[in-house]
Protein backbone atom coordinates (compact mmCIF):
# COMPACT_ATOMS: atom_id res chain seq x y z
CA UNK A 1 -1.86 24.31 -31.43
CA UNK A 2 -3.55 23.00 -28.47
CA UNK A 3 -2.40 19.27 -29.18
CA UNK A 4 1.19 20.62 -29.57
CA UNK A 5 0.95 22.32 -26.10
CA UNK A 6 -0.60 18.98 -24.68
CA UNK A 7 2.35 16.96 -26.37
CA UNK A 8 4.82 19.24 -24.73
CA UNK A 9 3.47 19.03 -21.33
CA UNK A 10 3.10 15.23 -21.54
CA UNK A 11 6.87 15.23 -22.53
CA UNK A 12 7.88 17.26 -19.79
CA UNK A 13 5.95 15.01 -17.32
CA UNK A 14 7.45 11.87 -18.86
CA UNK A 15 10.79 13.32 -18.25
CA UNK A 16 9.95 14.04 -14.70
CA UNK A 17 8.64 10.48 -14.45
CA UNK A 18 11.93 8.95 -15.59
CA UNK A 19 14.35 11.18 -13.51
CA UNK A 20 12.12 10.34 -10.36
CA UNK A 21 12.47 6.51 -11.09
CA UNK A 22 16.09 6.86 -11.86
CA UNK A 23 16.67 8.79 -8.37
CA UNK A 24 14.35 6.27 -6.66
CA UNK A 25 16.70 3.42 -8.13
CA UNK A 26 19.92 5.01 -6.80
CA UNK A 27 18.73 5.88 -3.73
CA UNK A 28 16.74 2.90 -3.30
CA UNK A 29 17.13 0.07 -0.57
CA UNK A 30 16.13 -2.74 -2.70
CA UNK A 31 12.98 -3.69 -1.11
CA UNK A 32 9.91 -5.15 -2.82
CA UNK A 33 7.93 -1.83 -2.46
CA UNK A 34 10.95 0.18 -4.00
CA UNK A 35 11.09 -2.30 -6.96
CA UNK A 36 7.32 -1.42 -7.32
CA UNK A 37 7.65 2.28 -7.21
CA UNK A 38 10.61 2.08 -9.56
CA UNK A 39 8.57 -0.02 -12.26
CA UNK A 40 5.41 2.46 -11.90
CA UNK A 41 7.30 5.58 -12.31
CA UNK A 42 9.34 4.18 -15.03
CA UNK A 43 6.72 2.93 -17.00
CA UNK A 44 4.27 5.80 -16.69
CA UNK A 45 7.13 8.20 -17.41
CA UNK A 46 7.87 6.38 -20.65
CA UNK A 47 4.28 6.45 -21.68
CA UNK A 48 3.89 10.01 -21.30
CA UNK A 49 7.20 10.68 -22.91
CA UNK A 50 6.65 8.80 -26.00
CA UNK A 51 2.99 9.92 -26.29
CA UNK A 52 3.87 13.46 -26.04
CA UNK A 53 6.82 13.26 -28.38
CA UNK A 54 4.58 11.38 -31.05
CA UNK A 55 1.86 14.09 -30.39
CA UNK A 56 4.39 16.90 -30.90
CA UNK A 57 5.91 15.25 -34.11
CA UNK A 58 2.45 14.34 -35.88
CA UNK A 59 0.68 17.59 -35.07
CA UNK A 60 0.86 20.19 -37.87
CA UNK A 61 0.61 23.93 -37.46
CA UNK A 62 -1.88 25.45 -39.59
CA UNK A 63 -1.34 28.93 -40.68
CA UNK A 64 -3.76 31.61 -39.17
């Protein structure tokens, strides 16, 4: 059960990172620093999101 909760938390963090990358992309000035921020937030968000989804999908519930 703890792995499933961790997967949900990672998925939510990933969604937040992807949303933040999208907001920075839309409101950015296009400078070099802004591009680095967008790439970092986007990559970390994608990694967290897909890791969380796979953790939720591959974890089986045990009957108690």
